[in-house]
Amino acid sequence: MQKIEIVLSEECFVSVSEALRRGTSGQFRASGVTMYDPKAPPKMYRGAPYLAGRDLLKLEWIVHDRDVQPIIDEVQAALDALGEGNVEVVVYAVAESLRLRPSVWTRPRGAG
């Protein structure tokens, strides 16, 4: 099993999601992340400097080893079609993946 994390800008998401929909990637988890660059010049708010971040999207899958390269190829095809964008892909080995459900729904109920 492998975990794939793809971080991309929101501008790329429409093209990438269309390519993923046409492909075989299956369901994925999407969440917002913020990237901070400590070397970037700080922005000012009411006279106080602060680090400005860039909002990005992170897509995540847990897939079999054989499904990793097709997902990466689908994302690459979407970027090629868009003609721009910057995507970070990280693949981790996963020893085990469990899906937990609330125990109140899965435990046996009393008769009375």
C-alpha atoms as a PDB file:
ATOM      1  CA  MET A   1       0.000   0.000   0.000  1.00  0.00           C
ATOM      2  CA  GLN A   2       1.118   3.539  -0.740  1.00  0.00           C
ATOM      3  CA  LYS A   3      -0.080   6.960   0.330  1.00  0.00           C
ATOM      4  CA  ILE A   4       0.051   9.624  -2.361  1.00  0.00           C
ATOM      5  CA  GLU A   5      -0.037  13.301  -1.416  1.00  0.00           C
ATOM      6  CA  ILE A   6      -0.307  15.869  -4.192  1.00  0.00           C
ATOM      7  CA  VAL A   7      -0.113  19.568  -3.315  1.00  0.00           C
ATOM      8  CA  LEU A   8      -1.271  21.982  -6.003  1.00  0.00           C
ATOM      9  CA  SER A   9      -2.618  25.478  -6.480  1.00  0.00           C
ATOM     10  CA  GLU A  10      -6.345  26.039  -6.737  1.00  0.00           C
ATOM     11  CA  GLU A  11      -5.874  27.191 -10.340  1.00  0.00           C
ATOM     12  CA  CYS A  12      -4.603  23.713 -11.276  1.00  0.00           C
ATOM     13  CA  PHE A  13      -7.316  21.864  -9.373  1.00  0.00           C
ATOM     14  CA  VAL A  14     -10.040  22.143 -12.035  1.00  0.00           C
ATOM     15  CA  SER A  15      -7.852  20.656 -14.754  1.00  0.00           C
ATOM     16  CA  VAL A  16      -6.414  17.990 -12.456  1.00  0.00           C
ATOM     17  CA  SER A  17      -9.808  16.982 -11.049  1.00  0.00           C
ATOM     18  CA  GLU A  18     -11.201  16.593 -14.586  1.00  0.00           C
ATOM     19  CA  ALA A  19      -8.289  14.325 -15.526  1.00  0.00           C
ATOM     20  CA  LEU A  20      -8.759  12.305 -12.324  1.00  0.00           C
ATOM     21  CA  ARG A  21     -12.491  11.972 -13.004  1.00  0.00           C
ATOM     22  CA  ARG A  22     -11.794  10.531 -16.466  1.00  0.00           C
ATOM     23  CA  GLY A  23      -9.075   8.252 -15.094  1.00  0.00           C
ATOM     24  CA  THR A  24      -9.034   5.362 -12.669  1.00  0.00           C
ATOM     25  CA  SER A  25      -7.892   7.133  -9.497  1.00  0.00           C
ATOM     26  CA  GLY A  26     -11.069   6.593  -7.472  1.00  0.00           C
ATOM     27  CA  GLN A  27     -11.991   8.666  -4.443  1.00  0.00           C
ATOM     28  CA  PHE A  28      -9.509  11.046  -2.888  1.00  0.00           C
ATOM     29  CA  ARG A  29      -9.390  13.310   0.128  1.00  0.00           C
ATOM     30  CA  ALA A  30      -8.878  17.041  -0.475  1.00  0.00           C
ATOM     31  CA  SER A  31      -7.922  19.584   2.159  1.00  0.00           C
ATOM     32  CA  GLY A  32      -6.660  23.130   2.246  1.00  0.00           C
ATOM     33  CA  VAL A  33      -3.076  23.779   3.289  1.00  0.00           C
ATOM     34  CA  THR A  34      -1.047  26.953   3.566  1.00  0.00           C
ATOM     35  CA  MET A  35       2.565  27.190   2.485  1.00  0.00           C
ATOM     36  CA  TYR A  36       4.728  29.730   4.282  1.00  0.00           C
ATOM     37  CA  ASP A  37       8.026  31.000   2.942  1.00  0.00           C
ATOM     38  CA  PRO A  38      10.088  32.566   5.742  1.00  0.00           C
ATOM     39  CA  LYS A  39      12.306  34.258   3.119  1.00  0.00           C
ATOM     40  CA  ALA A  40       9.378  36.089   1.523  1.00  0.00           C
ATOM     41  CA  PRO A  41       8.940  39.704   2.542  1.00  0.00           C
ATOM     42  CA  PRO A  42       6.437  40.041   5.392  1.00  0.00           C
ATOM     43  CA  LYS A  43       3.088  41.715   4.861  1.00  0.00           C
ATOM     44  CA  MET A  44       1.808  44.379   7.198  1.00  0.00           C
ATOM     45  CA  TYR A  45      -1.449  44.395   9.122  1.00  0.00           C
ATOM     46  CA  ARG A  46      -2.147  47.439  11.303  1.00  0.00           C
ATOM     47  CA  GLY A  47       1.548  48.189  11.435  1.00  0.00           C
ATOM     48  CA  ALA A  48       2.600  44.686  12.495  1.00  0.00           C
ATOM     49  CA  PRO A  49       4.512  42.415  10.123  1.00  0.00           C
ATOM     50  CA  TYR A  50       3.313  38.851   9.581  1.00  0.00           C
ATOM     51  CA  LEU A  51       4.256  35.930   7.354  1.00  0.00           C
ATOM     52  CA  ALA A  52       2.018  35.699   4.317  1.00  0.00           C
ATOM     53  CA  GLY A  53       1.065  32.242   3.211  1.00  0.00           C
ATOM     54  CA  ARG A  54      -0.132  30.857  -0.075  1.00  0.00           C
ATOM     55  CA  ASP A  55      -3.280  28.735  -0.019  1.00  0.00           C
ATOM     56  CA  LEU A  56      -2.925  25.371  -1.727  1.00  0.00           C
ATOM     57  CA  LEU A  57      -4.895  22.132  -1.973  1.00  0.00           C
ATOM     58  CA  LYS A  58      -3.641  18.746  -0.847  1.00  0.00           C
ATOM     59  CA  LEU A  59      -5.109  15.625  -2.459  1.00  0.00           C
ATOM     60  CA  GLU A  60      -4.557  12.281  -0.730  1.00  0.00           C
ATOM     61  CA  TRP A  61      -5.036   8.639  -1.693  1.00  0.00           C
ATOM     62  CA  ILE A  62      -4.158   5.328  -0.094  1.00  0.00           C
ATOM     63  CA  VAL A  63      -3.772   2.900  -2.975  1.00  0.00           C
ATOM     64  CA  HIS A  64      -2.158  -0.384  -3.985  1.00  0.00           C
ATOM     65  CA  ASP A  65       1.367  -0.188  -5.364  1.00  0.00           C
ATOM     66  CA  ARG A  66       0.149  -0.810  -8.918  1.00  0.00           C
ATOM     67  CA  ASP A  67      -2.118   2.294  -8.811  1.00  0.00           C
ATOM     68  CA  VAL A  68       0.556   4.869  -7.908  1.00  0.00           C
ATOM     69  CA  GLN A  69       2.032   5.507 -11.351  1.00  0.00           C
ATOM     70  CA  PRO A  70      -1.353   5.789 -13.168  1.00  0.00           C
ATOM     71  CA  ILE A  71      -2.467   8.519 -10.738  1.00  0.00           C
ATOM     72  CA  ILE A  72       0.782  10.426 -11.193  1.00  0.00           C
ATOM     73  CA  ASP A  73       0.431  10.063 -14.978  1.00  0.00           C
ATOM     74  CA  GLU A  74      -3.135  11.449 -14.846  1.00  0.00           C
ATOM     75  CA  VAL A  75      -1.965  14.493 -12.887  1.00  0.00           C
ATOM     76  CA  GLN A  76       0.946  15.012 -15.308  1.00  0.00           C
ATOM     77  CA  ALA A  77      -1.430  14.829 -18.295  1.00  0.00           C
ATOM     78  CA  ALA A  78      -3.678  17.456 -16.701  1.00  0.00           C
ATOM     79  CA  LEU A  79      -0.727  19.802 -16.135  1.00  0.00           C
ATOM     80  CA  ASP A  80       0.438  19.274 -19.712  1.00  0.00           C
ATOM     81  CA  ALA A  81      -3.058  20.121 -20.985  1.00  0.00           C
ATOM     82  CA  LEU A  82      -3.225  23.213 -18.764  1.00  0.00           C
ATOM     83  CA  GLY A  83       0.222  24.339 -19.846  1.00  0.00           C
ATOM     84  CA  GLU A  84       1.141  25.771 -16.462  1.00  0.00           C
ATOM     85  CA  GLY A  85       1.173  24.974 -12.792  1.00  0.00           C
ATOM     86  CA  ASN A  86       3.387  23.558 -10.121  1.00  0.00           C
ATOM     87  CA  VAL A  87       2.566  20.334  -8.311  1.00  0.00           C
ATOM     88  CA  GLU A  88       4.391  18.536  -5.519  1.00  0.00           C
ATOM     89  CA  VAL A  89       3.955  14.758  -5.350  1.00  0.00           C
ATOM     90  CA  VAL A  90       4.996  12.707  -2.325  1.00  0.00           C
ATOM     91  CA  VAL A  91       4.553   8.932  -2.083  1.00  0.00           C
ATOM     92  CA  TYR A  92       4.862   7.113   1.255  1.00  0.00           C
ATOM     93  CA  ALA A  93       4.893   3.400   1.957  1.00  0.00           C
ATOM     94  CA  VAL A  94       1.986   2.390   4.207  1.00  0.00           C
ATOM     95  CA  ALA A  95       2.271  -0.763   6.282  1.00  0.00           C
ATOM     96  CA  GLU A  96      -1.413  -0.874   7.206  1.00  0.00           C
ATOM     97  CA  SER A  97      -4.491   1.246   6.660  1.00  0.00           C
ATOM     98  CA  LEU A  98      -7.622   0.967   8.777  1.00  0.00           C
ATOM     99  CA  ARG A  99     -10.955   2.687   8.361  1.00  0.00           C
ATOM    100  CA  LEU A 100     -12.550   3.256  11.755  1.00  0.00           C
ATOM    101  CA  ARG A 101     -16.226   3.825  12.352  1.00  0.00           C
ATOM    102  CA  PRO A 102     -17.925   5.093  15.509  1.00  0.00           C
ATOM    103  CA  SER A 103     -18.360   2.218  17.943  1.00  0.00           C
ATOM    104  CA  VAL A 104     -21.862   3.358  18.909  1.00  0.00           C
ATOM    105  CA  TRP A 105     -23.053   2.125  15.490  1.00  0.00           C
ATOM    106  CA  THR A 106     -21.074  -1.110  15.392  1.00  0.00           C
ATOM    107  CA  ARG A 107     -21.390  -2.516  18.908  1.00  0.00           C
ATOM    108  CA  PRO A 108     -24.251  -4.936  19.700  1.00  0.00           C
ATOM    109  CA  ARG A 109     -27.354  -3.315  21.102  1.00  0.00           C
ATOM    110  CA  GLY A 110     -29.095  -4.527  24.258  1.00  0.00           C
ATOM    111  CA  ALA A 111     -32.442  -6.314  24.055  1.00  0.00           C
ATOM    112  CA  GLY A 112     -34.149  -4.062  26.533  1.00  0.00           C
END
